[in-house]
């Protein structure tokens, strides 16, 4: 603990108790797990022991309740719990007293969601909307494929920014990286399916005046239209404009369906990330811990 009087590092009581304040900054290396990043929590161990004196000469003891009077909140981490354990171990044929502090901290994820998840989601949704938007039925459709490739490159650049902010580890893949790869894969699949929709639309102009099959109309809820026929030189032909209209309607329904499906698929994990952020109120847990410690310190003093 730290003494109130800065110039008095040692306090001697009439009972013979001596309180010695030894302020110091310790750097502790902790093995962290980043599988749930940015919703991860870590437990760091701080070990105190004397290698020069055995248990008969120095018997370490500490309070199970942490003194958080001089604790300063952190912007990135929230303190969740502090626990203590007293152990003994053998070192060079001597029994040494040891105290281990377990400090549990949790990362505050809101910054990462706002700065990384939200821009990625906006780029992805705009890309999906642009890929399946009904602007034109001819040349502008070919620009959709270019739009998809541009969106993939934009999210790839954004994923590099995410990689710089994520702790590096080869043991597990962070949740945020999995999310970024997921939306990149979704935009890639949507870009590939755009070429399928383009081919379906052009089918009405390239086929031998064949209407869409009945199962396609039923699957896309398209009402059957009566084709216009005309006779020339003793042969009956179907109007090409009617056939092209039917295939154009099929491509339009495919655009609406695919856009809705992809937006739902992409929005579901994004909303889940924000739901997890709402459920994990680490700041509230830290406030409760500090209030309990402050109340306990007031009773102690």
Protein backbone atom coordinates (compact mmCIF):
# COMPACT_ATOMS: atom_id res chain seq x y z
CA UNK A 1 0.00 0.00 0.00
CA UNK A 2 1.01 3.65 -0.39
CA UNK A 3 1.28 5.92 2.62
CA UNK A 4 -0.51 9.24 2.66
CA UNK A 5 2.62 11.07 3.73
CA UNK A 6 4.93 11.03 0.73
CA UNK A 7 8.01 12.04 2.72
CA UNK A 8 7.46 9.28 5.28
CA UNK A 9 8.11 5.97 3.52
CA UNK A 10 7.97 4.06 6.83
CA UNK A 11 5.26 4.21 9.49
CA UNK A 12 6.06 2.76 12.93
CA UNK A 13 3.19 1.96 15.28
CA UNK A 14 3.38 1.73 19.09
CA UNK A 15 2.44 -1.94 18.80
CA UNK A 16 5.66 -2.62 16.98
CA UNK A 17 4.05 -2.85 13.54
CA UNK A 18 6.16 -1.29 10.82
CA UNK A 19 4.55 -0.26 7.52
CA UNK A 20 6.98 0.23 4.67
CA UNK A 21 5.78 1.79 1.43
CA UNK A 22 7.72 0.67 -1.60
CA UNK A 23 6.11 2.24 -4.67
CA UNK A 24 7.26 0.74 -7.94
CA UNK A 25 6.07 0.07 -11.48
CA UNK A 26 6.19 -3.59 -12.43
CA UNK A 27 6.05 -4.94 -15.96
CA UNK A 28 4.42 -8.36 -16.07
CA UNK A 29 4.37 -10.57 -19.16
CA UNK A 30 1.06 -12.42 -19.48
CA UNK A 31 0.04 -15.05 -21.98
CA UNK A 32 -3.10 -13.70 -23.59
CA UNK A 33 -5.86 -15.40 -25.52
CA UNK A 34 -7.26 -13.42 -28.45
CA UNK A 35 -9.83 -15.88 -29.81
CA UNK A 36 -12.68 -13.58 -28.67
CA UNK A 37 -11.00 -10.28 -29.56
CA UNK A 38 -12.31 -7.59 -29.01
CA UNK A 39 -14.49 -9.29 -26.36
CA UNK A 40 -11.57 -10.97 -24.64
CA UNK A 41 -10.67 -10.93 -20.97
CA UNK A 42 -7.27 -11.75 -19.56
CA UNK A 43 -5.94 -13.00 -16.23
CA UNK A 44 -2.44 -11.87 -15.28
CA UNK A 45 -0.48 -13.39 -12.43
CA UNK A 46 1.95 -11.37 -10.31
CA UNK A 47 4.20 -13.49 -8.12
CA UNK A 48 6.02 -12.16 -5.05
CA UNK A 49 8.67 -14.26 -3.31
CA UNK A 50 12.12 -14.04 -1.79
CA UNK A 51 14.86 -16.19 -3.25
CA UNK A 52 17.33 -15.27 -0.52
CA UNK A 53 15.34 -16.14 2.61
CA UNK A 54 13.25 -19.18 3.37
CA UNK A 55 9.85 -19.33 5.04
CA UNK A 56 11.33 -19.36 8.55
CA UNK A 57 12.86 -15.92 8.01
CA UNK A 58 10.29 -14.24 5.74
CA UNK A 59 6.66 -15.32 5.82
CA UNK A 60 4.69 -13.43 3.22
CA UNK A 61 1.05 -12.67 3.87
CA UNK A 62 -1.45 -10.39 2.17
CA UNK A 63 -5.04 -9.33 2.35
CA UNK A 64 -7.51 -11.23 0.21
CA UNK A 65 -9.33 -7.98 -0.48
CA UNK A 66 -7.47 -5.62 -2.84
CA UNK A 67 -6.77 -2.04 -1.84
CA UNK A 68 -7.81 0.01 -4.88
CA UNK A 69 -7.47 3.42 -3.31
CA UNK A 70 -4.81 4.51 -5.80
CA UNK A 71 -6.23 2.68 -8.81
CA UNK A 72 -6.64 4.71 -12.02
CA UNK A 73 -9.15 3.46 -14.65
CA UNK A 74 -7.80 2.59 -18.07
CA UNK A 75 -9.34 3.60 -21.40
CA UNK A 76 -8.89 0.21 -23.06
CA UNK A 77 -9.13 -2.23 -20.16
CA UNK A 78 -11.64 -2.59 -17.33
CA UNK A 79 -10.65 -4.18 -14.04
CA UNK A 80 -12.94 -7.10 -13.22
CA UNK A 81 -11.47 -8.81 -10.19
CA UNK A 82 -8.35 -9.11 -8.05
CA UNK A 83 -7.68 -12.28 -6.10
CA UNK A 84 -4.78 -13.56 -4.01
CA UNK A 85 -3.33 -16.96 -3.21
CA UNK A 86 -0.56 -17.86 -0.77
CA UNK A 87 1.63 -20.80 -1.71
CA UNK A 88 4.89 -22.43 -0.82
CA UNK A 89 7.47 -23.89 -3.14
CA UNK A 90 10.88 -25.45 -2.76
CA UNK A 91 13.89 -23.59 -4.09
CA UNK A 92 17.40 -24.99 -3.63
CA UNK A 93 16.27 -27.26 -0.79
CA UNK A 94 14.60 -24.42 1.08
CA UNK A 95 10.88 -23.75 1.44
CA UNK A 96 10.04 -20.27 0.21
CA UNK A 97 6.87 -18.34 0.91
CA UNK A 98 5.12 -16.95 -2.15
CA UNK A 99 2.12 -14.74 -2.83
CA UNK A 100 0.35 -14.76 -6.20
CA UNK A 101 -2.05 -12.02 -7.26
CA UNK A 102 -4.55 -12.84 -10.01
CA UNK A 103 -5.65 -9.69 -11.83
CA UNK A 104 -8.55 -10.14 -14.23
CA UNK A 105 -9.11 -7.43 -16.83
CA UNK A 106 -11.55 -7.22 -19.74
CA UNK A 107 -11.15 -5.28 -22.97
CA UNK A 108 -13.60 -2.50 -23.78
CA UNK A 109 -14.84 -3.40 -27.28
CA UNK A 110 -16.93 -0.36 -28.20
CA UNK A 111 -14.04 1.51 -29.87
CA UNK A 112 -13.24 -1.43 -32.15
CA UNK A 113 -16.88 -1.85 -33.17
CA UNK A 114 -17.28 1.81 -34.09
CA UNK A 115 -13.93 2.25 -35.85
CA UNK A 116 -13.66 -1.12 -37.63
CA UNK A 117 -16.94 -3.07 -37.73
CA UNK A 118 -19.24 -0.19 -38.72
CA UNK A 119 -17.15 1.00 -41.72
CA UNK A 120 -16.74 -2.59 -42.92
CA UNK A 121 -20.48 -3.19 -42.66
CA UNK A 122 -21.35 0.03 -44.51
CA UNK A 123 -18.94 -0.77 -47.36
CA UNK A 124 -20.32 -4.29 -47.60
CA UNK A 125 -23.99 -3.25 -47.62
CA UNK A 126 -23.38 -0.54 -50.23
CA UNK A 127 -21.53 -3.08 -52.36
CA UNK A 128 -24.39 -5.57 -52.15
CA UNK A 129 -26.92 -2.85 -52.97
CA UNK A 130 -24.84 -1.71 -55.94
CA UNK A 131 -24.30 -5.24 -57.26
CA UNK A 132 -28.01 -6.04 -57.37
CA UNK A 133 -29.47 -2.56 -58.00
CA UNK A 134 -31.82 -2.13 -60.98
CA UNK A 135 -30.22 0.75 -62.86
CA UNK A 136 -29.88 -0.69 -66.32
CA UNK A 137 -30.22 -3.98 -68.10
CA UNK A 138 -27.30 -3.78 -70.51
CA UNK A 139 -23.89 -2.21 -70.22
CA UNK A 140 -24.21 -0.85 -66.67
CA UNK A 141 -24.63 -4.40 -65.45
CA UNK A 142 -21.07 -5.07 -66.47
CA UNK A 143 -19.97 -2.22 -64.20
CA UNK A 144 -21.42 -4.12 -61.25
CA UNK A 145 -18.67 -6.68 -61.47
CA UNK A 146 -16.12 -3.86 -61.34
CA UNK A 147 -17.94 -2.45 -58.31
CA UNK A 148 -17.71 -5.81 -56.55
CA UNK A 149 -13.98 -6.10 -57.21
CA UNK A 150 -13.45 -2.53 -55.95
CA UNK A 151 -15.40 -3.29 -52.78
CA UNK A 152 -13.34 -6.43 -52.16
CA UNK A 153 -10.12 -4.43 -52.53
CA UNK A 154 -11.44 -1.74 -50.16
CA UNK A 155 -12.28 -4.28 -47.47
CA UNK A 156 -8.94 -6.00 -48.00
CA UNK A 157 -7.21 -2.68 -47.25
CA UNK A 158 -9.45 -2.20 -44.22
CA UNK A 159 -8.58 -5.69 -43.01
CA UNK A 160 -4.91 -4.65 -43.00
CA UNK A 161 -5.82 -1.86 -40.59
CA UNK A 162 -7.66 -4.39 -38.43
CA UNK A 163 -4.64 -6.68 -38.45
CA UNK A 164 -2.44 -3.89 -37.11
CA UNK A 165 -4.79 -3.29 -34.18
CA UNK A 166 -5.21 -6.96 -33.27
CA UNK A 167 -2.58 -8.64 -31.06
CA UNK A 168 -0.53 -11.08 -33.09
CA UNK A 169 -0.80 -14.76 -32.23
CA UNK A 170 -0.60 -18.01 -34.17
CA UNK A 171 -2.56 -20.06 -31.65
CA UNK A 172 -6.03 -18.74 -32.53
CA UNK A 173 -7.78 -16.46 -35.01
CA UNK A 174 -9.42 -13.38 -33.45
CA UNK A 175 -13.18 -13.02 -33.76
CA UNK A 176 -12.82 -9.64 -35.49
CA UNK A 177 -10.56 -11.12 -38.18
CA UNK A 178 -13.09 -13.93 -38.73
CA UNK A 179 -15.81 -11.30 -39.20
CA UNK A 180 -13.73 -9.37 -41.73
CA UNK A 181 -12.98 -12.49 -43.75
CA UNK A 182 -16.65 -13.47 -43.61
CA UNK A 183 -17.91 -10.25 -45.18
CA UNK A 184 -15.14 -10.33 -47.80
CA UNK A 185 -16.24 -13.85 -48.77
CA UNK A 186 -19.88 -12.72 -48.91
CA UNK A 187 -19.07 -9.83 -51.27
CA UNK A 188 -16.97 -12.19 -53.41
CA UNK A 189 -19.86 -14.66 -53.70
CA UNK A 190 -22.27 -11.81 -54.50
CA UNK A 191 -19.94 -10.56 -57.23
CA UNK A 192 -19.80 -14.04 -58.79
CA UNK A 193 -23.59 -14.37 -58.66
CA UNK A 194 -23.92 -11.03 -60.46
CA UNK A 195 -22.53 -12.67 -63.59
CA UNK A 196 -25.21 -15.36 -63.26
CA UNK A 197 -27.94 -12.73 -63.12
CA UNK A 198 -26.45 -10.99 -66.17
CA UNK A 199 -26.51 -14.27 -68.07
CA UNK A 200 -30.13 -14.93 -67.10
CA UNK A 201 -31.14 -11.48 -68.30
CA UNK A 202 -29.40 -11.93 -71.64
CA UNK A 203 -30.90 -15.39 -72.11
CA UNK A 204 -34.11 -13.92 -73.50
CA UNK A 205 -32.19 -12.40 -76.40
CA UNK A 206 -29.98 -15.40 -77.13
CA UNK A 207 -32.36 -18.37 -76.89
CA UNK A 208 -34.73 -19.61 -79.55
CA UNK A 209 -37.63 -17.63 -78.11
CA UNK A 210 -38.10 -19.99 -75.14
CA UNK A 211 -39.98 -18.74 -72.10
CA UNK A 212 -38.64 -19.32 -68.55
CA UNK A 213 -39.50 -22.79 -67.20
CA UNK A 214 -42.49 -23.08 -64.92
CA UNK A 215 -40.47 -24.04 -61.84
CA UNK A 216 -38.45 -20.84 -62.11
CA UNK A 217 -41.61 -18.72 -62.26
CA UNK A 218 -43.05 -20.55 -59.26
CA UNK A 219 -39.85 -20.22 -57.24
CA UNK A 220 -39.67 -16.47 -57.91
CA UNK A 221 -43.45 -15.90 -57.66
CA UNK A 222 -43.77 -14.66 -61.23
CA UNK A 223 -47.21 -14.70 -62.80
CA UNK A 224 -47.45 -16.41 -66.17
CA UNK A 225 -47.90 -13.98 -69.03
CA UNK A 226 -49.60 -14.87 -72.30
CA UNK A 227 -47.11 -14.72 -75.12
CA UNK A 228 -47.92 -12.94 -78.34
CA UNK A 229 -47.73 -15.08 -81.48
CA UNK A 230 -47.63 -14.04 -85.11
CA UNK A 231 -47.66 -15.98 -88.36
CA UNK A 232 -45.18 -15.49 -91.19
CA UNK A 233 -44.77 -17.66 -94.27
CA UNK A 234 -46.96 -20.32 -92.76
CA UNK A 235 -44.86 -20.54 -89.53
CA UNK A 236 -45.99 -19.42 -86.06
CA UNK A 237 -43.44 -17.44 -84.01
CA UNK A 238 -43.46 -16.12 -80.44
CA UNK A 239 -42.89 -12.41 -79.97
CA UNK A 240 -39.22 -11.90 -78.95
CA UNK A 241 -40.14 -8.87 -76.82
CA UNK A 242 -42.47 -10.97 -74.66
CA UNK A 243 -39.77 -13.59 -74.07
CA UNK A 244 -37.15 -10.96 -73.23
CA UNK A 245 -39.61 -9.36 -70.84
CA UNK A 246 -40.13 -12.64 -69.03
CA UNK A 247 -36.40 -13.31 -68.65
CA UNK A 248 -35.92 -9.69 -67.57
CA UNK A 249 -38.53 -10.21 -64.86
CA UNK A 250 -36.69 -13.35 -63.72
CA UNK A 251 -33.43 -11.41 -63.44
CA UNK A 252 -35.17 -8.61 -61.53
CA UNK A 253 -36.64 -11.05 -59.03
CA UNK A 254 -33.23 -12.68 -58.65
CA UNK A 255 -31.72 -9.25 -57.92
CA UNK A 256 -34.27 -8.53 -55.20
CA UNK A 257 -33.97 -11.99 -53.69
CA UNK A 258 -30.17 -12.13 -53.66
CA UNK A 259 -29.84 -8.58 -52.31
CA UNK A 260 -32.23 -9.36 -49.45
CA UNK A 261 -30.54 -12.66 -48.61
CA UNK A 262 -27.02 -11.21 -48.59
CA UNK A 263 -27.99 -8.17 -46.52
CA UNK A 264 -29.67 -10.44 -43.94
CA UNK A 265 -26.65 -12.76 -43.85
CA UNK A 266 -24.24 -9.85 -43.36
CA UNK A 267 -26.42 -7.98 -40.85
CA UNK A 268 -26.90 -10.98 -38.56
CA UNK A 269 -23.29 -11.30 -37.28
CA UNK A 270 -22.93 -7.51 -37.14
CA UNK A 271 -25.96 -7.15 -34.88
CA UNK A 272 -24.69 -10.06 -32.80
CA UNK A 273 -21.39 -8.25 -32.20
CA UNK A 274 -23.22 -5.15 -30.96
CA UNK A 275 -25.46 -7.34 -28.81
CA UNK A 276 -22.38 -8.88 -27.21
CA UNK A 277 -21.00 -5.39 -26.57
CA UNK A 278 -24.28 -4.40 -24.91
CA UNK A 279 -24.35 -7.51 -22.74
CA UNK A 280 -20.72 -7.22 -21.62
CA UNK A 281 -20.88 -4.03 -19.59
CA UNK A 282 -17.33 -4.22 -18.24
CA UNK A 283 -17.34 -0.60 -17.12
CA UNK A 284 -20.27 -1.27 -14.78
CA UNK A 285 -18.48 -4.26 -13.25
CA UNK A 286 -15.40 -2.11 -12.72
CA UNK A 287 -17.45 0.62 -11.02
CA UNK A 288 -19.02 -1.92 -8.66
CA UNK A 289 -15.59 -3.34 -7.79
CA UNK A 290 -14.18 0.13 -7.07
CA UNK A 291 -17.21 1.15 -5.01
CA UNK A 292 -16.95 -1.99 -2.87
CA UNK A 293 -13.22 -1.41 -2.38
CA UNK A 294 -13.82 2.24 -1.43
CA UNK A 295 -16.53 1.26 1.06
CA UNK A 296 -14.25 -1.37 2.57
CA UNK A 297 -11.38 1.12 2.87
CA UNK A 298 -13.62 3.58 4.71
CA UNK A 299 -14.62 0.90 7.21
CA UNK A 300 -10.99 -0.15 7.62
CA UNK A 301 -9.76 3.33 8.34
